[in-house]
Amino acid sequence: MSTMYFDRQDAAQHLVQRLLAYKGKHPLVLAIPRGAVPMGKMIAQQLDGDFDVVLVRKLRSPYSEEVAIGAVDESGWTYISPHAASLGADQDYIASEKHTQMATIHTRRQQYTPIRRPIDPTDRIVIVVDDGLATGATMIAALHSLRRCQPAQLICAVPVSSIDALEKVRPLADEVICLMTPENFHAIGQYYQHFPQVDDDQVIACLRD
């Protein structure tokens, strides 16, 4: 059995140790909602940085909501997996699923940052955090979205990833920090003893603090 984290906070603490070079440089830590939000909050606090979210959504396979066929960012830019067609996703399905997920992004933006605008990543050291990468689709969309904003440096930081996802993500970031790439990777949750859902109220609480 591969090494397991107790929970997301434990994983975040391990990531902090690999990110200490950015302490004192006022990084902007951006979490991919919802699971990574408590992690991103902790990392930002320990690095003396700012904290916010980057809104992207997985495009779900027509036969399994857990399987990603791609992802969409807040602008509507879409990444489609090379395997999407083999998973039953034709162009009509992709268009419908993208519409659904864009509506969710719009709703979450209204919920998460109703009072202030998102923090501008331009010319900032930006650290994008997720609780793990399975296909890498949402991280690909997040990094693509942020690169357009011209950050000074763009870092991807995750506790665990499939080997395939990490290779897809690596060219899109200036630095990739991943603590584990198990050969027998099946799902992110298998590397956590406790892996509960994070709900919108928890996200909003983290952003309000």
N, C-alpha and C. Protein backbone atom coordinates (compact mmCIF):
# COMPACT_ATOMS: atom_id res chain seq x y z
N MET A 1 0.85 -1.20 0.00
CA MET A 1 0.00 0.00 0.00
C MET A 1 0.87 1.24 0.00
N SER A 2 0.54 2.22 -0.83
CA SER A 2 1.30 3.46 -0.88
C SER A 2 1.05 4.28 0.37
N THR A 3 1.95 5.21 0.64
CA THR A 3 1.80 6.11 1.77
C THR A 3 0.46 6.82 1.69
N MET A 4 -0.18 6.98 2.86
CA MET A 4 -1.45 7.69 2.91
C MET A 4 -1.32 8.93 3.78
N TYR A 5 -2.09 9.96 3.42
CA TYR A 5 -2.23 11.13 4.27
C TYR A 5 -3.40 10.90 5.21
N PHE A 6 -3.32 11.47 6.41
CA PHE A 6 -4.44 11.32 7.33
C PHE A 6 -5.68 12.03 6.77
N ASP A 7 -5.47 13.29 6.31
CA ASP A 7 -6.57 14.06 5.71
C ASP A 7 -5.95 15.16 4.86
N ARG A 8 -6.77 16.06 4.36
CA ARG A 8 -6.27 17.12 3.49
C ARG A 8 -5.35 18.08 4.24
N GLN A 9 -5.62 18.31 5.52
CA GLN A 9 -4.76 19.20 6.29
C GLN A 9 -3.35 18.61 6.43
N ASP A 10 -3.29 17.31 6.64
CA ASP A 10 -2.00 16.62 6.71
C ASP A 10 -1.26 16.74 5.39
N ALA A 11 -1.98 16.55 4.28
CA ALA A 11 -1.36 16.68 2.96
C ALA A 11 -0.86 18.10 2.73
N ALA A 12 -1.66 19.08 3.16
CA ALA A 12 -1.24 20.48 3.00
C ALA A 12 0.02 20.77 3.79
N GLN A 13 0.12 20.21 4.99
CA GLN A 13 1.31 20.44 5.81
C GLN A 13 2.55 19.87 5.13
N HIS A 14 2.41 18.71 4.50
CA HIS A 14 3.53 18.15 3.75
C HIS A 14 3.90 19.04 2.55
N LEU A 15 2.90 19.57 1.88
CA LEU A 15 3.19 20.47 0.75
C LEU A 15 3.90 21.73 1.20
N VAL A 16 3.50 22.27 2.35
CA VAL A 16 4.14 23.49 2.87
C VAL A 16 5.64 23.30 2.96
N GLN A 17 6.07 22.14 3.41
CA GLN A 17 7.50 21.90 3.58
C GLN A 17 8.26 21.99 2.26
N ARG A 18 7.59 21.69 1.16
CA ARG A 18 8.21 21.77 -0.16
C ARG A 18 8.06 23.15 -0.79
N LEU A 19 7.26 24.00 -0.14
CA LEU A 19 7.00 25.33 -0.69
C LEU A 19 7.63 26.45 0.13
N LEU A 20 8.46 26.10 1.11
CA LEU A 20 9.00 27.11 2.02
C LEU A 20 9.87 28.14 1.31
N ALA A 21 10.39 27.80 0.14
CA ALA A 21 11.20 28.77 -0.61
C ALA A 21 10.39 30.01 -0.99
N TYR A 22 9.06 29.89 -0.99
CA TYR A 22 8.21 31.02 -1.38
C TYR A 22 7.72 31.83 -0.18
N LYS A 23 8.06 31.39 1.02
CA LYS A 23 7.68 32.16 2.20
C LYS A 23 8.45 33.48 2.20
N GLY A 24 7.75 34.56 2.47
CA GLY A 24 8.37 35.88 2.44
C GLY A 24 8.34 36.53 1.07
N LYS A 25 7.82 35.81 0.07
CA LYS A 25 7.72 36.36 -1.29
C LYS A 25 6.28 36.72 -1.65
N HIS A 26 5.40 36.67 -0.66
CA HIS A 26 3.99 37.05 -0.82
C HIS A 26 3.33 36.34 -1.99
N PRO A 27 3.36 35.01 -1.99
CA PRO A 27 2.73 34.28 -3.10
C PRO A 27 1.21 34.39 -3.04
N LEU A 28 0.58 34.17 -4.17
CA LEU A 28 -0.86 34.05 -4.25
C LEU A 28 -1.18 32.56 -4.39
N VAL A 29 -1.83 32.01 -3.39
CA VAL A 29 -2.19 30.59 -3.39
C VAL A 29 -3.63 30.46 -3.86
N LEU A 30 -3.83 29.74 -4.95
CA LEU A 30 -5.16 29.56 -5.53
C LEU A 30 -5.55 28.10 -5.45
N ALA A 31 -6.69 27.83 -4.82
CA ALA A 31 -7.17 26.47 -4.67
C ALA A 31 -8.26 26.18 -5.71
N ILE A 32 -8.28 24.94 -6.18
CA ILE A 32 -9.35 24.48 -7.05
C ILE A 32 -10.48 23.94 -6.17
N PRO A 33 -11.65 24.59 -6.20
CA PRO A 33 -12.76 24.12 -5.34
C PRO A 33 -13.29 22.76 -5.81
N ARG A 34 -13.84 21.99 -4.82
CA ARG A 34 -13.97 22.49 -3.46
C ARG A 34 -12.95 21.85 -2.52
N GLY A 35 -12.54 20.61 -2.84
CA GLY A 35 -11.72 19.86 -1.91
C GLY A 35 -10.43 20.54 -1.49
N ALA A 36 -9.81 21.26 -2.41
CA ALA A 36 -8.50 21.85 -2.12
C ALA A 36 -8.57 23.16 -1.35
N VAL A 37 -9.77 23.69 -1.13
CA VAL A 37 -9.86 25.03 -0.53
C VAL A 37 -9.30 25.08 0.89
N PRO A 38 -9.65 24.16 1.80
CA PRO A 38 -9.02 24.20 3.13
C PRO A 38 -7.50 24.03 3.07
N MET A 39 -7.03 23.24 2.11
CA MET A 39 -5.59 23.06 1.94
C MET A 39 -4.93 24.37 1.51
N GLY A 40 -5.52 25.01 0.50
CA GLY A 40 -4.96 26.26 0.01
C GLY A 40 -4.92 27.33 1.07
N LYS A 41 -5.98 27.38 1.89
CA LYS A 41 -6.04 28.37 2.97
C LYS A 41 -4.88 28.17 3.94
N MET A 42 -4.65 26.92 4.35
CA MET A 42 -3.56 26.64 5.29
C MET A 42 -2.21 26.98 4.67
N ILE A 43 -2.01 26.59 3.42
CA ILE A 43 -0.72 26.85 2.77
C ILE A 43 -0.47 28.35 2.66
N ALA A 44 -1.48 29.12 2.27
CA ALA A 44 -1.32 30.57 2.16
C ALA A 44 -0.95 31.18 3.51
N GLN A 45 -1.60 30.73 4.57
CA GLN A 45 -1.30 31.27 5.90
C GLN A 45 0.14 30.98 6.30
N GLN A 46 0.59 29.76 6.03
CA GLN A 46 1.93 29.38 6.47
C GLN A 46 3.03 29.99 5.60
N LEU A 47 2.67 30.39 4.39
CA LEU A 47 3.66 31.04 3.51
C LEU A 47 3.54 32.56 3.55
N ASP A 48 2.66 33.08 4.41
CA ASP A 48 2.41 34.53 4.49
C ASP A 48 1.98 35.09 3.14
N GLY A 49 1.11 34.35 2.47
CA GLY A 49 0.64 34.77 1.16
C GLY A 49 -0.82 35.15 1.16
N ASP A 50 -1.35 35.44 -0.01
CA ASP A 50 -2.77 35.69 -0.20
C ASP A 50 -3.44 34.39 -0.64
N PHE A 51 -4.76 34.34 -0.41
CA PHE A 51 -5.50 33.12 -0.74
C PHE A 51 -6.75 33.46 -1.55
N ASP A 52 -7.03 32.64 -2.56
CA ASP A 52 -8.24 32.80 -3.36
C ASP A 52 -8.51 31.46 -4.04
N VAL A 53 -9.53 31.43 -4.88
CA VAL A 53 -9.85 30.23 -5.64
C VAL A 53 -9.69 30.50 -7.13
N VAL A 54 -9.44 29.45 -7.89
CA VAL A 54 -9.47 29.51 -9.34
C VAL A 54 -10.62 28.58 -9.76
N LEU A 55 -11.57 29.12 -10.49
CA LEU A 55 -12.78 28.37 -10.80
C LEU A 55 -12.68 27.64 -12.14
N VAL A 56 -12.61 26.35 -12.04
CA VAL A 56 -12.65 25.46 -13.20
C VAL A 56 -13.56 24.30 -12.84
N ARG A 57 -14.07 23.61 -13.86
CA ARG A 57 -14.95 22.48 -13.62
C ARG A 57 -14.61 21.33 -14.54
N LYS A 58 -14.65 20.15 -13.96
CA LYS A 58 -14.49 18.92 -14.73
C LYS A 58 -15.69 18.74 -15.66
N LEU A 59 -15.43 18.29 -16.88
CA LEU A 59 -16.48 17.83 -17.78
C LEU A 59 -16.61 16.32 -17.57
N ARG A 60 -17.80 15.88 -17.21
CA ARG A 60 -18.01 14.50 -16.79
C ARG A 60 -18.31 13.57 -17.96
N SER A 61 -17.83 12.36 -17.85
CA SER A 61 -18.17 11.33 -18.83
C SER A 61 -19.68 11.05 -18.78
N PRO A 62 -20.28 10.75 -19.93
CA PRO A 62 -21.72 10.46 -19.91
C PRO A 62 -22.08 9.21 -19.13
N TYR A 63 -21.13 8.34 -18.88
CA TYR A 63 -21.43 7.08 -18.20
C TYR A 63 -20.91 7.02 -16.76
N SER A 64 -20.11 8.01 -16.36
CA SER A 64 -19.61 8.03 -14.98
C SER A 64 -19.24 9.46 -14.62
N GLU A 65 -19.95 10.01 -13.63
CA GLU A 65 -19.69 11.39 -13.23
C GLU A 65 -18.31 11.56 -12.63
N GLU A 66 -17.70 10.48 -12.17
CA GLU A 66 -16.38 10.57 -11.55
C GLU A 66 -15.25 10.65 -12.57
N VAL A 67 -15.54 10.27 -13.82
CA VAL A 67 -14.51 10.23 -14.85
C VAL A 67 -14.55 11.52 -15.66
N ALA A 68 -13.39 12.15 -15.82
CA ALA A 68 -13.32 13.41 -16.56
C ALA A 68 -13.04 13.14 -18.04
N ILE A 69 -13.78 13.85 -18.88
CA ILE A 69 -13.47 13.84 -20.31
C ILE A 69 -12.80 15.15 -20.72
N GLY A 70 -12.63 16.05 -19.75
CA GLY A 70 -12.02 17.35 -20.00
C GLY A 70 -12.35 18.29 -18.87
N ALA A 71 -12.18 19.59 -19.12
CA ALA A 71 -12.46 20.61 -18.11
C ALA A 71 -12.66 21.94 -18.79
N VAL A 72 -13.34 22.85 -18.09
CA VAL A 72 -13.61 24.19 -18.63
C VAL A 72 -13.22 25.22 -17.59
N ASP A 73 -12.67 26.36 -18.03
CA ASP A 73 -12.32 27.42 -17.09
C ASP A 73 -13.39 28.51 -17.11
N GLU A 74 -13.17 29.55 -16.32
CA GLU A 74 -14.20 30.57 -16.12
C GLU A 74 -14.48 31.37 -17.39
N SER A 75 -13.52 31.44 -18.29
CA SER A 75 -13.71 32.17 -19.54
C SER A 75 -14.46 31.36 -20.59
N GLY A 76 -14.57 30.05 -20.35
CA GLY A 76 -15.18 29.16 -21.32
C GLY A 76 -14.17 28.34 -22.12
N TRP A 77 -12.87 28.61 -21.92
CA TRP A 77 -11.87 27.79 -22.60
C TRP A 77 -11.99 26.35 -22.13
N THR A 78 -11.88 25.44 -23.08
CA THR A 78 -12.16 24.04 -22.77
C THR A 78 -11.00 23.14 -23.17
N TYR A 79 -10.64 22.24 -22.27
CA TYR A 79 -9.69 21.17 -22.56
C TYR A 79 -10.51 19.88 -22.72
N ILE A 80 -10.27 19.18 -23.83
CA ILE A 80 -10.95 17.91 -24.07
C ILE A 80 -9.90 16.80 -24.11
N SER A 81 -10.12 15.78 -23.32
CA SER A 81 -9.19 14.65 -23.28
C SER A 81 -9.16 13.92 -24.62
N PRO A 82 -8.01 13.41 -25.02
CA PRO A 82 -7.94 12.60 -26.25
C PRO A 82 -8.83 11.36 -26.19
N HIS A 83 -9.20 10.94 -24.97
CA HIS A 83 -10.00 9.73 -24.79
C HIS A 83 -11.50 10.03 -24.69
N ALA A 84 -11.90 11.29 -24.89
CA ALA A 84 -13.30 11.67 -24.67
C ALA A 84 -14.26 10.86 -25.55
N ALA A 85 -13.93 10.72 -26.82
CA ALA A 85 -14.83 10.01 -27.74
C ALA A 85 -14.99 8.54 -27.34
N SER A 86 -13.89 7.93 -26.91
CA SER A 86 -13.96 6.52 -26.52
C SER A 86 -14.76 6.32 -25.24
N LEU A 87 -14.99 7.41 -24.49
CA LEU A 87 -15.80 7.35 -23.28
C LEU A 87 -17.25 7.75 -23.55
N GLY A 88 -17.60 7.89 -24.82
CA GLY A 88 -18.99 8.14 -25.18
C GLY A 88 -19.38 9.59 -25.32
N ALA A 89 -18.41 10.51 -25.34
CA ALA A 89 -18.71 11.93 -25.40
C ALA A 89 -18.58 12.45 -26.83
N ASP A 90 -19.71 12.67 -27.49
CA ASP A 90 -19.67 13.29 -28.81
C ASP A 90 -19.78 14.81 -28.67
N GLN A 91 -19.76 15.52 -29.78
CA GLN A 91 -19.74 16.99 -29.73
C GLN A 91 -21.00 17.57 -29.08
N ASP A 92 -22.15 16.97 -29.34
CA ASP A 92 -23.38 17.47 -28.73
C ASP A 92 -23.35 17.29 -27.21
N TYR A 93 -22.87 16.12 -26.78
CA TYR A 93 -22.78 15.89 -25.33
C TYR A 93 -21.81 16.87 -24.69
N ILE A 94 -20.65 17.08 -25.32
CA ILE A 94 -19.65 17.99 -24.77
C ILE A 94 -20.21 19.40 -24.65
N ALA A 95 -20.92 19.86 -25.67
CA ALA A 95 -21.51 21.20 -25.63
C ALA A 95 -22.51 21.33 -24.49
N SER A 96 -23.34 20.31 -24.29
CA SER A 96 -24.33 20.32 -23.22
C SER A 96 -23.66 20.30 -21.84
N GLU A 97 -22.66 19.44 -21.69
CA GLU A 97 -21.95 19.34 -20.41
C GLU A 97 -21.19 20.62 -20.10
N LYS A 98 -20.59 21.22 -21.12
CA LYS A 98 -19.89 22.50 -20.91
C LYS A 98 -20.87 23.57 -20.44
N HIS A 99 -22.05 23.62 -21.03
CA HIS A 99 -23.07 24.59 -20.62
C HIS A 99 -23.43 24.37 -19.15
N THR A 100 -23.61 23.12 -18.75
CA THR A 100 -23.95 22.80 -17.36
C THR A 100 -22.86 23.27 -16.40
N GLN A 101 -21.62 22.97 -16.74
CA GLN A 101 -20.52 23.30 -15.83
C GLN A 101 -20.22 24.80 -15.80
N MET A 102 -20.42 25.49 -16.91
CA MET A 102 -20.26 26.94 -16.91
C MET A 102 -21.30 27.60 -16.00
N ALA A 103 -22.51 27.04 -15.97
CA ALA A 103 -23.55 27.56 -15.07
C ALA A 103 -23.12 27.37 -13.61
N THR A 104 -22.51 26.23 -13.31
CA THR A 104 -22.02 25.99 -11.95
C THR A 104 -20.91 26.97 -11.59
N ILE A 105 -20.00 27.22 -12.52
CA ILE A 105 -18.92 28.19 -12.28
C ILE A 105 -19.51 29.57 -11.98
N HIS A 106 -20.49 29.97 -12.78
CA HIS A 106 -21.12 31.29 -12.59
C HIS A 106 -21.77 31.37 -11.20
N THR A 107 -22.47 30.32 -10.82
CA THR A 107 -23.11 30.30 -9.49
C THR A 107 -22.08 30.37 -8.38
N ARG A 108 -21.01 29.61 -8.53
CA ARG A 108 -19.98 29.61 -7.48
C ARG A 108 -19.27 30.96 -7.38
N ARG A 109 -19.06 31.62 -8.49
CA ARG A 109 -18.43 32.94 -8.43
C ARG A 109 -19.32 33.89 -7.63
N GLN A 110 -20.62 33.83 -7.86
CA GLN A 110 -21.54 34.69 -7.11
C GLN A 110 -21.56 34.34 -5.63
N GLN A 111 -21.43 33.05 -5.32
CA GLN A 111 -21.43 32.62 -3.93
C GLN A 111 -20.11 32.94 -3.22
N TYR A 112 -19.00 32.69 -3.91
CA TYR A 112 -17.71 32.71 -3.25
C TYR A 112 -17.14 34.11 -3.08
N THR A 113 -17.30 34.95 -4.07
CA THR A 113 -16.71 36.29 -3.97
C THR A 113 -17.75 37.36 -4.32
N PRO A 114 -18.84 37.42 -3.53
CA PRO A 114 -19.90 38.38 -3.85
C PRO A 114 -19.54 39.83 -3.55
N ILE A 115 -18.58 40.05 -2.66
CA ILE A 115 -18.27 41.40 -2.21
C ILE A 115 -17.04 41.96 -2.91
N ARG A 116 -16.04 41.10 -3.14
CA ARG A 116 -14.79 41.59 -3.74
C ARG A 116 -14.50 40.87 -5.04
N ARG A 117 -13.68 41.47 -5.86
CA ARG A 117 -13.24 40.83 -7.08
C ARG A 117 -12.18 39.78 -6.76
N PRO A 118 -12.01 38.78 -7.63
CA PRO A 118 -10.90 37.83 -7.44
C PRO A 118 -9.57 38.57 -7.40
N ILE A 119 -8.61 38.03 -6.67
CA ILE A 119 -7.29 38.65 -6.58
C ILE A 119 -6.57 38.50 -7.91
N ASP A 120 -6.01 39.57 -8.40
CA ASP A 120 -5.34 39.59 -9.70
C ASP A 120 -4.00 38.84 -9.62
N PRO A 121 -3.80 37.80 -10.44
CA PRO A 121 -2.55 37.05 -10.41
C PRO A 121 -1.42 37.65 -11.24
N THR A 122 -1.69 38.74 -11.96
CA THR A 122 -0.67 39.33 -12.83
C THR A 122 0.57 39.73 -12.03
N ASP A 123 1.73 39.29 -12.52
CA ASP A 123 3.04 39.61 -11.91
C ASP A 123 3.20 39.04 -10.50
N ARG A 124 2.37 38.10 -10.13
CA ARG A 124 2.48 37.46 -8.82
C ARG A 124 3.10 36.08 -8.95
N ILE A 125 3.74 35.60 -7.89
CA ILE A 125 4.07 34.18 -7.78
C ILE A 125 2.76 33.48 -7.43
N VAL A 126 2.31 32.60 -8.30
CA VAL A 126 1.01 31.95 -8.14
C VAL A 126 1.23 30.45 -7.92
N ILE A 127 0.66 29.94 -6.83
CA ILE A 127 0.74 28.52 -6.49
C ILE A 127 -0.67 27.94 -6.58
N VAL A 128 -0.88 27.02 -7.52
CA VAL A 128 -2.20 26.41 -7.71
C VAL A 128 -2.21 25.07 -6.99
N VAL A 129 -3.19 24.90 -6.11
CA VAL A 129 -3.24 23.73 -5.24
C VAL A 129 -4.49 22.91 -5.53
N ASP A 130 -4.31 21.60 -5.59
CA ASP A 130 -5.45 20.69 -5.60
C ASP A 130 -5.11 19.51 -4.68
N ASP A 131 -6.13 18.72 -4.31
CA ASP A 131 -5.88 17.61 -3.38
C ASP A 131 -5.34 16.38 -4.08
N GLY A 132 -5.24 16.43 -5.40
CA GLY A 132 -4.65 15.35 -6.17
C GLY A 132 -5.04 15.48 -7.63
N LEU A 133 -4.32 14.78 -8.49
CA LEU A 133 -4.61 14.77 -9.92
C LEU A 133 -4.89 13.35 -10.36
N ALA A 134 -6.06 13.13 -10.93
CA ALA A 134 -6.40 11.83 -11.50
C ALA A 134 -6.13 11.87 -13.00
N THR A 135 -6.95 12.64 -13.74
CA THR A 135 -6.70 12.83 -15.18
C THR A 135 -5.88 14.09 -15.44
N GLY A 136 -5.88 15.03 -14.48
CA GLY A 136 -5.19 16.30 -14.66
C GLY A 136 -6.02 17.35 -15.37
N ALA A 137 -7.26 17.03 -15.76
CA ALA A 137 -8.05 17.93 -16.60
C ALA A 137 -8.30 19.28 -15.93
N THR A 138 -8.75 19.27 -14.68
CA THR A 138 -9.06 20.56 -14.04
C THR A 138 -7.80 21.39 -13.80
N MET A 139 -6.69 20.74 -13.48
CA MET A 139 -5.44 21.49 -13.30
C MET A 139 -4.97 22.08 -14.63
N ILE A 140 -5.14 21.34 -15.72
CA ILE A 140 -4.78 21.86 -17.04
C ILE A 140 -5.58 23.13 -17.33
N ALA A 141 -6.89 23.09 -17.07
CA ALA A 141 -7.74 24.26 -17.31
C ALA A 141 -7.33 25.42 -16.40
N ALA A 142 -7.01 25.12 -15.14
CA ALA A 142 -6.62 26.18 -14.20
C ALA A 142 -5.32 26.85 -14.63
N LEU A 143 -4.33 26.06 -14.99
CA LEU A 143 -3.04 26.63 -15.39
C LEU A 143 -3.15 27.42 -16.69
N HIS A 144 -3.94 26.91 -17.62
CA HIS A 144 -4.14 27.63 -18.88
C HIS A 144 -4.80 28.98 -18.61
N SER A 145 -5.82 28.97 -17.75
CA SER A 145 -6.52 30.21 -17.40
C SER A 145 -5.59 31.22 -16.77
N LEU A 146 -4.75 30.77 -15.86
CA LEU A 146 -3.87 31.68 -15.13
C LEU A 146 -2.70 32.16 -15.98
N ARG A 147 -2.22 31.35 -16.88
CA ARG A 147 -1.09 31.76 -17.73
C ARG A 147 -1.46 32.98 -18.56
N ARG A 148 -2.72 33.09 -18.96
CA ARG A 148 -3.16 34.26 -19.73
C ARG A 148 -3.04 35.55 -18.92
N CYS A 149 -3.02 35.43 -17.60
CA CYS A 149 -2.94 36.60 -16.73
C CYS A 149 -1.50 37.05 -16.48
N GLN A 150 -0.55 36.35 -17.05
CA GLN A 150 0.87 36.69 -16.98
C GLN A 150 1.40 36.77 -15.54
N PRO A 151 1.30 35.68 -14.79
CA PRO A 151 1.93 35.66 -13.47
C PRO A 151 3.45 35.69 -13.61
N ALA A 152 4.12 36.14 -12.57
CA ALA A 152 5.58 36.13 -12.58
C ALA A 152 6.11 34.71 -12.57
N GLN A 153 5.43 33.83 -11.86
CA GLN A 153 5.81 32.42 -11.79
C GLN A 153 4.54 31.62 -11.50
N LEU A 154 4.41 30.46 -12.13
CA LEU A 154 3.21 29.64 -11.99
C LEU A 154 3.62 28.25 -11.52
N ILE A 155 3.14 27.89 -10.33
CA ILE A 155 3.53 26.64 -9.69
C ILE A 155 2.30 25.77 -9.48
N CYS A 156 2.41 24.51 -9.80
CA CYS A 156 1.38 23.52 -9.51
C CYS A 156 1.84 22.71 -8.30
N ALA A 157 1.00 22.60 -7.27
CA ALA A 157 1.38 21.88 -6.05
C ALA A 157 0.27 20.91 -5.66
N VAL A 158 0.59 19.62 -5.66
CA VAL A 158 -0.39 18.59 -5.30
C VAL A 158 0.28 17.51 -4.45
N PRO A 159 -0.49 16.87 -3.56
CA PRO A 159 0.10 15.80 -2.74
C PRO A 159 0.30 14.50 -3.50
N VAL A 160 -0.56 14.22 -4.49
CA VAL A 160 -0.50 12.93 -5.18
C VAL A 160 -1.05 13.11 -6.59
N SER A 161 -0.52 12.31 -7.51
CA SER A 161 -0.99 12.38 -8.90
C SER A 161 -0.74 11.06 -9.60
N SER A 162 -1.58 10.77 -10.57
CA SER A 162 -1.24 9.68 -11.49
C SER A 162 -0.05 10.13 -12.34
N ILE A 163 0.71 9.17 -12.80
CA ILE A 163 1.89 9.49 -13.62
C ILE A 163 1.47 10.20 -14.90
N ASP A 164 0.41 9.72 -15.52
CA ASP A 164 -0.06 10.29 -16.78
C ASP A 164 -0.50 11.74 -16.61
N ALA A 165 -1.26 12.02 -15.55
CA ALA A 165 -1.73 13.39 -15.32
C ALA A 165 -0.57 14.34 -15.10
N LEU A 166 0.42 13.89 -14.36
CA LEU A 166 1.55 14.77 -14.06
C LEU A 166 2.31 15.14 -15.32
N GLU A 167 2.45 14.19 -16.23
CA GLU A 167 3.15 14.48 -17.48
C GLU A 167 2.38 15.47 -18.35
N LYS A 168 1.05 15.41 -18.30
CA LYS A 168 0.23 16.37 -19.06
C LYS A 168 0.33 17.77 -18.47
N VAL A 169 0.42 17.85 -17.16
CA VAL A 169 0.41 19.14 -16.47
C VAL A 169 1.78 19.82 -16.51
N ARG A 170 2.82 19.04 -16.47
CA ARG A 170 4.18 19.58 -16.29
C ARG A 170 4.56 20.70 -17.27
N PRO A 171 4.23 20.60 -18.56
CA PRO A 171 4.64 21.67 -19.49
C PRO A 171 3.90 23.00 -19.26
N LEU A 172 2.82 22.98 -18.51
CA LEU A 172 2.00 24.17 -18.35
C LEU A 172 2.40 25.03 -17.16
N ALA A 173 3.27 24.53 -16.30
CA ALA A 173 3.69 25.26 -15.10
C ALA A 173 5.19 25.51 -15.14
N ASP A 174 5.63 26.53 -14.44
CA ASP A 174 7.06 26.79 -14.31
C ASP A 174 7.72 25.81 -13.35
N GLU A 175 6.93 25.34 -12.39
CA GLU A 175 7.41 24.35 -11.43
C GLU A 175 6.23 23.47 -11.04
N VAL A 176 6.48 22.17 -10.94
CA VAL A 176 5.46 21.23 -10.47
C VAL A 176 5.99 20.53 -9.23
N ILE A 177 5.24 20.63 -8.15
CA ILE A 177 5.59 19.96 -6.90
C ILE A 177 4.52 18.90 -6.64
N CYS A 178 4.92 17.65 -6.70
CA CYS A 178 4.02 16.53 -6.44
C CYS A 178 4.75 15.57 -5.52
N LEU A 179 4.12 15.22 -4.40
CA LEU A 179 4.80 14.43 -3.38
C LEU A 179 4.78 12.94 -3.66
N MET A 180 3.78 12.46 -4.41
CA MET A 180 3.67 11.03 -4.70
C MET A 180 3.11 10.82 -6.10
N THR A 181 3.69 9.86 -6.84
CA THR A 181 3.13 9.42 -8.13
C THR A 181 3.07 7.89 -8.13
N PRO A 182 2.09 7.32 -7.45
CA PRO A 182 2.02 5.85 -7.33
C PRO A 182 1.77 5.19 -8.68
N GLU A 183 2.38 4.05 -8.89
CA GLU A 183 2.18 3.32 -10.13
C GLU A 183 0.78 2.71 -10.20
N ASN A 184 0.21 2.38 -9.05
CA ASN A 184 -1.10 1.71 -9.03
C ASN A 184 -2.23 2.71 -8.74
N PHE A 185 -2.07 3.93 -9.20
CA PHE A 185 -3.06 4.98 -8.93
C PHE A 185 -4.42 4.63 -9.53
N HIS A 186 -5.47 4.75 -8.69
CA HIS A 186 -6.84 4.53 -9.16
C HIS A 186 -7.72 5.74 -8.91
N ALA A 187 -7.62 6.31 -7.70
CA ALA A 187 -8.44 7.46 -7.33
C ALA A 187 -7.73 8.25 -6.24
N ILE A 188 -7.95 9.55 -6.22
CA ILE A 188 -7.28 10.41 -5.24
C ILE A 188 -7.59 9.97 -3.82
N GLY A 189 -8.84 9.63 -3.57
CA GLY A 189 -9.26 9.31 -2.20
C GLY A 189 -8.56 8.11 -1.60
N GLN A 190 -7.97 7.24 -2.41
CA GLN A 190 -7.31 6.07 -1.85
C GLN A 190 -6.02 6.43 -1.10
N TYR A 191 -5.55 7.67 -1.25
CA TYR A 191 -4.32 8.08 -0.57
C TYR A 191 -4.59 8.95 0.66
N TYR A 192 -5.85 8.97 1.10
CA TYR A 192 -6.25 9.68 2.31
C TYR A 192 -7.03 8.74 3.21
N GLN A 193 -6.71 8.76 4.52
CA GLN A 193 -7.52 7.99 5.46
C GLN A 193 -8.90 8.63 5.63
N HIS A 194 -8.94 9.94 5.65
CA HIS A 194 -10.20 10.68 5.78
C HIS A 194 -10.29 11.64 4.59
N PHE A 195 -11.33 11.49 3.78
CA PHE A 195 -11.45 12.27 2.55
C PHE A 195 -12.91 12.71 2.36
N PRO A 196 -13.43 13.49 3.32
CA PRO A 196 -14.83 13.91 3.23
C PRO A 196 -15.04 14.97 2.16
N GLN A 197 -16.28 15.09 1.72
CA GLN A 197 -16.64 16.16 0.80
C GLN A 197 -16.48 17.51 1.49
N VAL A 198 -16.06 18.51 0.73
CA VAL A 198 -16.03 19.90 1.19
C VAL A 198 -17.22 20.60 0.55
N ASP A 199 -18.04 21.27 1.37
CA ASP A 199 -19.23 21.89 0.80
C ASP A 199 -19.02 23.39 0.59
N ASP A 200 -20.01 24.01 -0.05
CA ASP A 200 -19.91 25.43 -0.39
C ASP A 200 -19.78 26.31 0.86
N ASP A 201 -20.46 25.95 1.94
CA ASP A 201 -20.38 26.75 3.16
C ASP A 201 -18.95 26.78 3.70
N GLN A 202 -18.24 25.66 3.62
CA GLN A 202 -16.85 25.62 4.07
C GLN A 202 -15.97 26.50 3.19
N VAL A 203 -16.22 26.46 1.88
CA VAL A 203 -15.45 27.30 0.96
C VAL A 203 -15.66 28.77 1.28
N ILE A 204 -16.93 29.15 1.44
CA ILE A 204 -17.26 30.55 1.72
C ILE A 204 -16.63 31.01 3.03
N ALA A 205 -16.63 30.12 4.03
CA ALA A 205 -16.02 30.47 5.32
C ALA A 205 -14.52 30.72 5.16
N CYS A 206 -13.85 29.88 4.37
CA CYS A 206 -12.41 30.06 4.14
C CYS A 206 -12.13 31.38 3.44
N LEU A 207 -12.96 31.75 2.49
CA LEU A 207 -12.73 32.98 1.73
C LEU A 207 -13.08 34.23 2.53
N ARG A 208 -13.99 34.11 3.49
CA ARG A 208 -14.38 35.25 4.30
C ARG A 208 -13.32 35.62 5.34
N ASP A 209 -12.59 34.63 5.84
CA ASP A 209 -11.64 34.88 6.93
C ASP A 209 -10.58 35.90 6.52
